[in-house]
Amino acid sequence: MREPAATAPDVCSAKGCPAPATWALLWNNPALHTPERRKVWLACDEHRSSLSDFLGARSFLKDVEPHPEPAG
């Protein structure tokens, strides 16, 4: 019997960052999305602030939540 494939951790959305994601940044662009729609960028601890600042400067950031580790 074959073992199930290991699930790779989700990685940070910062360009070139291979670190596992520990945060989910929930956002939307009100010019493109309905108010209840949430897009997600993932962030490691190091990039949480810079990605949040980028989205916040555009008034896109709606919430920041811990990103769960994959079960396994």
Protein backbone atom coordinates (compact mmCIF):
# COMPACT_ATOMS: atom_id res chain seq x y z
CA MET A 1 0.00 0.00 0.00
CA ARG A 2 1.30 3.46 -0.89
CA GLU A 3 1.85 6.13 1.77
CA PRO A 4 -0.05 9.40 1.22
CA ALA A 5 2.15 12.19 -0.09
CA ALA A 6 3.39 14.61 2.54
CA THR A 7 1.73 18.00 2.31
CA ALA A 8 4.23 20.78 1.76
CA PRO A 9 3.69 23.82 3.95
CA ASP A 10 2.16 26.92 2.38
CA VAL A 11 4.84 29.50 1.72
CA CYS A 12 5.02 33.24 2.20
CA SER A 13 3.67 35.42 -0.63
CA ALA A 14 6.62 37.85 -0.44
CA LYS A 15 8.65 37.70 -3.64
CA GLY A 16 11.33 35.02 -3.40
CA CYS A 17 10.57 34.07 0.20
CA PRO A 18 10.58 30.29 0.74
CA ALA A 19 9.57 30.50 4.44
CA PRO A 20 6.47 28.70 5.67
CA ALA A 21 3.42 30.93 6.05
CA THR A 22 2.29 31.69 9.57
CA TRP A 23 -0.19 34.48 8.76
CA ALA A 24 -3.10 34.95 6.35
CA LEU A 25 -3.66 38.52 5.17
CA LEU A 26 -7.27 38.91 4.04
CA TRP A 27 -7.89 41.69 1.57
CA ASN A 28 -9.98 42.92 -1.32
CA ASN A 29 -9.80 45.62 -3.92
CA PRO A 30 -13.13 47.47 -3.70
CA ALA A 31 -12.82 48.55 -7.34
CA LEU A 32 -12.81 44.89 -8.41
CA HIS A 33 -14.39 42.80 -5.65
CA THR A 34 -17.68 42.77 -3.79
CA PRO A 35 -17.36 43.95 -0.15
CA GLU A 36 -17.65 40.43 1.29
CA ARG A 37 -15.02 38.87 -1.03
CA ARG A 38 -11.68 38.10 0.59
CA LYS A 39 -8.48 37.36 -1.28
CA VAL A 40 -5.59 35.87 0.72
CA TRP A 41 -1.88 36.57 0.81
CA LEU A 42 0.20 34.37 3.07
CA ALA A 43 3.05 35.77 5.15
CA CYS A 44 5.88 34.51 7.31
CA ASP A 45 6.67 36.35 10.55
CA GLU A 46 9.40 38.39 8.81
CA HIS A 47 7.15 39.66 5.98
CA ARG A 48 3.84 40.06 7.84
CA SER A 49 4.43 43.75 8.49
CA SER A 50 5.69 44.72 5.01
CA LEU A 51 2.89 42.88 3.19
CA SER A 52 0.30 44.32 5.61
CA ASP A 53 1.71 47.81 5.08
CA PHE A 54 1.55 47.38 1.28
CA LEU A 55 -2.11 46.32 1.38
CA GLY A 56 -2.99 48.84 4.10
CA ALA A 57 -1.55 51.77 2.14
CA ARG A 58 -4.05 50.95 -0.59
CA SER A 59 -6.92 50.42 1.88
CA PHE A 60 -7.15 46.78 0.72
CA LEU A 61 -6.26 45.03 4.00
CA LYS A 62 -9.33 43.77 5.86
CA ASP A 63 -7.93 41.34 8.47
CA VAL A 64 -4.85 39.35 9.55
CA GLU A 65 -5.30 35.86 10.97
CA PRO A 66 -2.95 33.08 12.03
CA HIS A 67 -2.42 30.58 9.22
CA PRO A 68 -2.82 27.02 10.44
CA GLU A 69 -0.05 24.49 9.89
CA PRO A 70 -0.99 21.68 7.52
CA ALA A 71 -2.29 18.54 9.18
CA GLY A 72 -0.02 15.61 8.83
